[in-house]
Protein backbone atom coordinates (compact mmCIF):
# COMPACT_ATOMS: atom_id res chain seq x y z
CA MET A 1 9.25 -2.24 12.35
CA VAL A 2 7.66 0.29 14.69
CA LYS A 3 5.39 2.92 13.24
CA LYS A 4 5.45 6.56 14.25
CA PRO A 5 2.71 7.01 16.86
CA ALA A 6 -0.10 9.34 15.92
CA ALA A 7 -0.43 12.62 17.82
CA LYS A 8 -2.90 12.44 20.69
CA PRO A 9 -6.15 14.14 19.61
CA VAL A 10 -7.81 16.89 21.61
CA GLU A 11 -10.92 15.78 23.47
CA GLY A 12 -14.13 16.67 21.64
CA SER A 13 -12.41 17.19 18.30
CA GLN A 14 -13.50 15.64 14.99
CA GLU A 15 -10.38 13.48 15.11
CA VAL A 16 -11.59 11.86 18.33
CA LYS A 17 -15.00 11.21 16.78
CA ALA A 18 -13.49 9.68 13.67
CA ASP A 19 -11.30 7.47 15.87
CA GLU A 20 -14.32 6.35 17.86
CA VAL A 21 -16.24 5.53 14.66
CA LYS A 22 -13.30 3.47 13.35
CA VAL A 23 -13.05 1.50 16.59
CA ALA A 24 -16.83 1.03 16.73
CA LYS A 25 -16.78 -0.50 13.24
CA ALA A 26 -13.96 -2.80 14.27
CA GLU A 27 -15.87 -3.87 17.37
CA GLU A 28 -18.93 -4.63 15.23
CA THR A 29 -16.91 -7.01 13.06
CA THR A 30 -15.52 -8.72 16.15
CA ALA A 31 -18.68 -8.79 18.25
CA THR A 32 -18.52 -12.59 18.09
CA PRO A 33 -14.78 -13.22 17.75
CA LYS A 34 -13.58 -16.51 16.35
CA LYS A 35 -12.33 -19.01 18.87
CA GLU A 36 -8.55 -18.71 19.09
CA GLU A 37 -6.82 -21.75 17.66
CA VAL A 38 -4.70 -23.62 20.16
CA SER A 39 -1.22 -24.58 18.95
CA LYS A 40 -0.41 -28.28 18.85
CA HIS A 41 2.92 -27.25 20.41
CA LEU A 42 1.29 -25.57 23.42
CA GLY A 43 3.47 -25.99 26.51
CA GLU A 44 6.57 -27.08 24.56
CA LEU A 45 9.89 -25.38 25.33
CA VAL A 46 11.32 -23.16 22.58
CA LYS A 47 15.05 -23.45 21.95
CA LYS A 48 17.68 -21.29 20.32
CA GLY A 49 17.43 -21.37 16.54
CA GLU A 50 13.76 -22.44 16.48
CA PHE A 51 11.11 -20.51 14.56
CA VAL A 52 8.15 -19.18 16.51
CA LEU A 53 5.21 -16.84 15.94
CA ALA A 54 4.77 -14.16 18.58
CA ASP A 55 2.13 -11.55 19.30
CA VAL A 56 3.81 -8.25 20.17
CA PHE A 57 2.26 -5.21 21.83
CA GLY A 58 4.11 -1.95 22.46
CA LYS A 59 3.28 1.29 24.21
CA VAL A 60 5.05 4.26 25.69
CA LYS A 61 5.41 3.59 29.41
CA ASN A 62 2.32 5.08 31.09
CA GLY A 63 1.33 6.46 27.70
CA ARG A 64 -0.22 5.72 24.33
CA ALA A 65 0.07 2.39 22.48
CA PHE A 66 1.90 2.49 19.16
CA TYR A 67 2.15 -1.13 17.97
CA ALA A 68 0.06 -4.31 18.03
CA THR A 69 0.10 -7.52 16.01
CA ASN A 70 -3.13 -8.77 17.61
CA LYS A 71 -6.37 -7.29 16.32
CA MET A 72 -8.10 -7.29 19.71
CA ASP A 73 -5.17 -5.42 21.29
CA ALA A 74 -5.35 -2.81 18.53
CA ILE A 75 -9.09 -2.33 19.04
CA ARG A 76 -8.74 -2.08 22.82
CA GLU A 77 -6.00 0.54 22.55
CA LYS A 78 -7.78 2.46 19.74
CA ILE A 79 -4.98 2.07 17.20
CA TYR A 80 -6.90 -0.30 14.92
CA GLU A 81 -6.44 0.20 11.16
CA GLU A 82 -9.02 -1.32 8.82
CA LYS A 83 -6.61 -2.02 5.96
CA LYS A 84 -3.93 -3.61 8.12
CA GLN A 85 -3.59 -7.38 8.51
CA TYR A 86 -3.05 -8.43 12.12
CA THR A 87 -0.89 -11.56 12.32
CA PRO A 88 1.76 -12.83 14.79
CA GLU A 89 5.36 -11.98 13.91
CA LEU A 90 8.14 -14.37 12.95
CA VAL A 91 10.87 -14.65 15.58
CA VAL A 92 13.99 -16.82 15.38
CA ILE A 93 14.92 -17.61 18.98
CA GLY A 94 18.31 -16.15 19.91
CA GLU A 95 18.74 -14.19 16.67
CA LYS A 96 18.99 -10.40 16.75
CA GLY A 97 16.94 -8.16 14.52
CA PHE A 98 13.49 -9.58 15.33
CA LEU A 99 12.94 -8.12 18.81
CA PHE A 100 14.86 -5.80 21.10
CA ASP A 101 18.12 -7.32 22.36
CA THR A 102 16.90 -7.47 25.96
CA ILE A 103 13.89 -9.58 24.94
CA THR A 104 15.97 -11.73 22.56
CA GLU A 105 18.46 -12.55 25.32
CA ASP A 106 15.65 -13.49 27.69
CA MET A 107 13.99 -15.81 25.15
CA GLU A 108 17.19 -17.77 24.41
CA LYS A 109 17.61 -18.83 28.04
CA GLY A 110 15.50 -21.89 27.31
CA THR A 111 12.76 -21.14 29.84
CA TRP A 112 10.09 -19.97 27.40
CA LYS A 113 7.25 -22.26 26.32
CA VAL A 114 4.64 -21.95 23.59
CA GLY A 115 1.78 -20.01 25.20
CA ASP A 116 4.00 -18.01 27.56
CA GLN A 117 3.59 -14.24 27.82
CA LYS A 118 5.92 -11.72 29.46
CA THR A 119 5.97 -7.95 29.94
CA PHE A 120 9.21 -5.99 29.54
CA ASP A 121 9.79 -2.43 30.76
CA LEU A 122 12.60 -1.08 28.59
CA THR A 123 14.71 2.01 29.15
CA ALA A 124 15.31 4.40 26.26
CA GLU A 125 18.74 2.82 25.74
CA GLN A 126 17.22 -0.67 25.59
CA ALA A 127 14.47 0.43 23.20
CA PHE A 128 14.89 3.12 20.53
CA GLY A 129 17.91 4.85 22.04
CA LYS A 130 18.51 8.28 23.51
CA ARG A 131 17.85 11.39 21.50
CA ASP A 132 20.96 12.43 19.59
CA GLY A 133 21.42 16.13 18.77
CA SER A 134 23.74 15.26 15.87
CA LYS A 135 20.77 13.69 14.09
CA LEU A 136 19.08 17.07 13.61
CA ARG A 137 19.67 18.36 10.09
CA GLN A 138 18.98 21.75 8.49
CA MET A 139 17.95 21.81 4.84
CA GLY A 140 16.57 24.42 2.45
CA VAL A 141 12.99 23.80 1.35
CA ARG A 142 14.08 23.82 -2.32
CA GLU A 143 16.71 21.18 -1.65
CA PHE A 144 14.13 19.15 0.31
CA LYS A 145 11.73 19.18 -2.65
CA LYS A 146 14.54 18.31 -5.06
CA LYS A 147 15.49 15.26 -2.99
CA THR A 148 12.02 14.04 -2.04
CA GLY A 149 9.73 15.44 -4.74
CA LYS A 150 7.51 16.85 -1.97
CA ASP A 151 7.01 20.24 -0.40
CA ALA A 152 8.54 20.60 3.05
CA LYS A 153 5.83 20.74 5.71
CA LEU A 154 5.57 19.79 9.36
CA GLY A 155 5.52 16.02 9.80
CA GLU A 156 6.64 15.30 6.22
CA GLU A 157 8.87 12.23 5.98
CA TYR A 158 12.45 12.40 4.74
CA ARG A 159 14.68 9.44 3.86
CA ASP A 160 18.41 9.85 3.38
CA ALA A 161 19.40 8.16 0.10
CA LYS A 162 22.93 7.32 1.28
CA SER A 163 22.46 6.19 4.89
CA GLY A 164 18.86 4.99 4.60
CA GLU A 165 17.98 6.95 7.75
CA ARG A 166 14.42 8.18 8.02
CA GLY A 167 13.34 11.39 9.67
CA TYR A 168 10.56 13.96 9.85
CA VAL A 169 10.32 17.73 9.42
CA ILE A 170 9.84 19.18 12.89
CA ARG A 171 10.29 22.91 12.17
CA LEU A 172 10.06 25.38 9.28
CA ASN A 173 11.71 28.78 9.48
CA GLN A 174 12.52 31.32 6.74
CA GLY A 175 12.78 28.86 3.89
CA ARG A 176 14.65 26.19 5.87
CA ALA A 177 13.43 22.89 7.28
CA LEU A 178 14.71 21.20 10.43
CA ILE A 179 14.70 17.40 10.01
CA ASP A 180 14.88 15.05 12.99
CA LEU A 181 16.54 11.74 12.08
CA ASN A 182 16.04 10.32 15.57
CA HIS A 183 13.45 7.56 15.90
CA PRO A 184 10.07 9.13 16.86
CA LEU A 185 10.20 7.19 20.14
CA ALA A 186 13.85 7.92 20.92
CA GLY A 187 14.39 9.00 24.52
CA LYS A 188 11.20 7.31 25.76
CA GLU A 189 10.75 4.36 28.11
CA ILE A 190 8.79 1.59 26.44
CA THR A 191 6.60 -1.28 27.67
CA TYR A 192 6.57 -4.39 25.46
CA VAL A 193 4.35 -7.44 25.88
CA VAL A 194 5.40 -10.60 24.00
CA LYS A 195 3.42 -13.85 23.75
CA VAL A 196 4.66 -16.97 21.92
CA VAL A 197 1.54 -18.28 20.18
CA ASP A 198 3.03 -21.08 18.08
CA LYS A 199 6.18 -22.93 17.04
CA MET A 200 6.85 -23.76 13.38
CA THR A 201 8.46 -27.04 12.41
CA GLU A 202 7.31 -27.50 8.79
CA GLU A 203 9.58 -25.86 6.20
CA LYS A 204 6.65 -24.60 4.10
CA GLU A 205 5.16 -22.54 6.94
CA ILE A 206 8.61 -21.21 7.82
CA LEU A 207 9.21 -20.11 4.22
CA ASN A 208 5.78 -18.50 4.10
CA SER A 209 6.50 -16.61 7.33
CA PHE A 210 9.56 -14.97 5.74
CA LEU A 211 7.35 -13.74 2.88
CA VAL A 212 4.76 -12.30 5.26
CA LYS A 213 7.45 -10.66 7.41
CA ASN A 214 8.89 -8.74 4.46
CA GLY A 215 5.67 -8.08 2.59
CA PRO A 216 2.94 -7.19 5.12
CA GLY A 217 -0.54 -7.93 3.80
CA ILE A 218 0.49 -10.49 1.18
CA ASN A 219 -1.07 -13.92 0.79
CA PRO A 220 1.86 -16.40 0.80
CA GLU A 221 -0.35 -19.12 -0.70
CA LEU A 222 -0.23 -17.25 -4.02
CA PHE A 223 3.55 -17.74 -4.21
CA LYS A 224 4.86 -20.98 -5.68
CA ILE A 225 7.87 -22.15 -3.64
CA THR A 226 10.02 -25.08 -4.75
CA ARG A 227 12.95 -26.67 -2.91
CA LYS A 228 15.73 -28.11 -5.12
CA ASP A 229 18.57 -29.50 -3.02
CA LYS A 230 20.21 -26.38 -1.54
CA ASP A 231 18.27 -23.97 -3.75
CA ILE A 232 14.87 -22.40 -3.20
CA GLU A 233 12.84 -21.07 -6.13
CA ILE A 234 10.07 -18.58 -5.51
CA GLU A 235 7.63 -17.68 -8.28
CA ILE A 236 6.23 -14.20 -7.66
CA PRO A 237 2.63 -13.52 -8.72
CA GLN A 238 2.24 -10.56 -11.06
CA ALA A 239 -0.13 -8.94 -8.55
CA TYR A 240 2.78 -8.52 -6.11
CA MET A 241 5.29 -6.92 -8.48
CA TRP A 242 5.45 -3.62 -6.58
CA SER A 243 7.87 -0.76 -7.16
CA ASN A 244 9.90 -1.87 -4.10
CA LEU A 245 10.01 -5.52 -5.17
CA MET A 246 13.82 -5.47 -5.27
CA TYR A 247 14.04 -4.75 -1.52
CA PHE A 248 11.49 -7.49 -0.80
CA LYS A 249 13.51 -10.06 -2.76
CA LEU A 250 16.79 -8.96 -1.21
CA ASN A 251 15.51 -9.23 2.37
CA VAL A 252 13.74 -12.55 1.81
CA GLY A 253 16.81 -14.03 0.10
CA LEU A 254 19.25 -12.86 2.78
CA GLU A 255 17.10 -14.09 5.65
CA MET A 256 16.36 -17.50 4.12
CA THR A 257 20.04 -18.19 3.39
CA ARG A 258 21.04 -17.00 6.85
CA TYR A 259 18.48 -18.71 9.07
CA LEU A 260 17.48 -21.85 7.15
CA PRO A 261 19.84 -24.84 7.23
CA ASN A 262 21.27 -26.14 3.94
CA VAL A 263 20.03 -23.21 1.87
CA GLU A 264 22.70 -21.59 -0.28
CA ARG A 265 20.72 -19.83 -3.00
CA VAL A 266 17.29 -18.28 -3.40
CA ARG A 267 16.03 -17.69 -6.93
CA PHE A 268 13.05 -15.57 -7.84
CA ILE A 269 10.97 -16.14 -10.97
CA GLU A 270 8.96 -13.25 -12.36
CA THR A 271 6.52 -13.88 -15.20
CA ILE A 272 4.78 -11.03 -16.99
CA GLU A 273 1.64 -12.18 -18.79
CA LYS A 274 0.15 -10.35 -21.73
CA ILE A 275 -2.65 -8.02 -20.73
CA PRO A 276 -5.91 -8.98 -22.52
CA GLU A 277 -6.80 -6.50 -25.26
CA THR A 278 -9.81 -4.36 -24.56
CA LYS A 279 -12.57 -4.18 -27.16
CA SER A 280 -12.13 -1.23 -29.51
CA ASP A 281 -14.91 1.16 -30.40
CA SER A 282 -15.28 -0.60 -33.74
CA ASP A 283 -15.96 -3.95 -32.05
CA HIS A 284 -19.69 -3.82 -31.33
CA GLY A 285 -20.18 -7.54 -30.97
CA HIS A 286 -21.59 -7.89 -34.52
CA GLU A 287 -20.08 -8.46 -37.94
CA HIS A 288 -20.31 -5.90 -40.73
CA ASP A 289 -18.07 -3.86 -43.01
CA HIS A 290 -17.54 -0.38 -41.64
CA LYS A 291 -15.91 0.74 -44.91
CA THR A 292 -19.02 -0.24 -46.88
CA GLU A 293 -21.16 1.47 -44.30
CA LYS A 294 -19.18 4.69 -44.68
CA ALA A 295 -19.34 4.39 -48.49
CA GLU A 296 -23.12 4.05 -48.30
CA LYS A 297 -23.38 7.10 -46.10
CA LYS A 298 -21.47 9.35 -48.53
CA PRO A 299 -24.08 9.23 -51.38
CA ALA A 300 -26.72 10.13 -48.83
CA LYS A 301 -24.78 13.30 -48.05
CA LYS A 302 -24.48 14.07 -51.78
CA ALA A 303 -28.19 13.44 -52.22
CA ALA A 304 -28.86 15.81 -49.40
CA ARG A 305 -26.69 18.39 -51.09
CA LYS A 306 -28.51 17.86 -54.41
CA LYS A 307 -31.81 18.22 -52.63
CA THR A 308 -30.65 21.44 -51.06
CA SER A 309 -29.40 22.79 -54.37
CA SER A 310 -32.68 21.89 -56.11
CA HIS A 311 -34.54 23.84 -53.46
CA THR A 312 -32.22 26.76 -54.07
CA GLU A 313 -32.73 26.52 -57.84
CA SER A 314 -36.52 26.37 -57.36
CA ALA A 315 -36.34 29.44 -55.21
CA LYS A 316 -34.26 31.23 -57.83
CA SER A 317 -36.61 30.22 -60.70
CA GLY A 318 -39.55 31.33 -58.58
CA GLU A 319 -37.94 34.73 -58.11
CA SER A 320 -37.26 34.95 -61.91
CA ALA A 321 -40.89 34.11 -62.69
CA LYS A 322 -42.04 36.73 -60.23
CA ASP A 323 -39.82 39.34 -61.83
CA ALA A 324 -41.08 38.38 -65.33
CA SER A 325 -44.73 38.72 -64.30
CA THR A 326 -44.01 42.10 -62.74
CA ASP A 327 -42.41 43.36 -65.97
CA LYS A 328 -45.37 42.09 -67.99
CA ALA A 329 -47.80 43.92 -65.73
CA ASP A 330 -45.84 47.16 -66.17
CA GLU A 331 -45.93 46.79 -69.93
CA GLU A 332 -49.73 46.26 -69.91
CA THR A 333 -50.17 49.37 -67.78
CA LYS A 334 -48.14 51.46 -70.21
CA THR A 335 -50.15 50.14 -73.15
CA LYS A 336 -53.42 51.14 -71.52
CA GLU A 337 -52.10 54.56 -70.87
């Protein structure tokens, strides 16, 4: 799946500097790149129906790169993303849906070998198609927010719930948004470079490749896959139970039953384990009775109150004694007089 290419930054801008920093970091981590593993199938012909791994690189003809499965290509073209995993893509020779039809037809001729690399210059029709004016759609900004849950702004993504088409807001005018459902690269000539880096013959690695294809960034070794006659059971780790898990399962199941021989059913097993209870505030790591502790604290408060009241009473008795002595003094004065 091709990503929407980022807008070309203006020279000298902060965006250019940030891009340079990102690439510099990537180059630091690859200053001494690992030696590329050589496939044991190097030089072997690839035939229709076989499973291969291919590095793919795409760019607008005479323009900016927009796609790379190889890390070094991404760094060179300054489209490297730190969080992205760079791995070769699964391709079933002769089957549509993995690469553009022109490339697929060329690969099924039986002339490709593991290790071969070819460059294809594709017209707009051969790549992402011509721009289609009927795919421009007007929509009120309130309706846009109701359907997407987001405010309409330039570049904001929109996905049609019925057709599944994806588009972007390209214009805002007087409370209305113009959405372009054409592919971002529609109408452009594209250059694609494809290299077959390996051929897969073991069923386990083929099954794993379907998981990686439909769940970029996952570790297939965490999935438990079991083959039972014509059935395949896949146990999904709890860590990979995303919100879009249903689409992942659907795509994996459809592709495995379509491309793998003697596979009629794919079953998924999901296990939810109990989350360990966190220690409550009352669990201090020592044993004692909090009720008794509270009960012991209460008399202390009463004692404090008693102490306070005794002070008050003392103060009152002191004032009474003072008043009595004053009266006595007055009486003595009168007597003298």
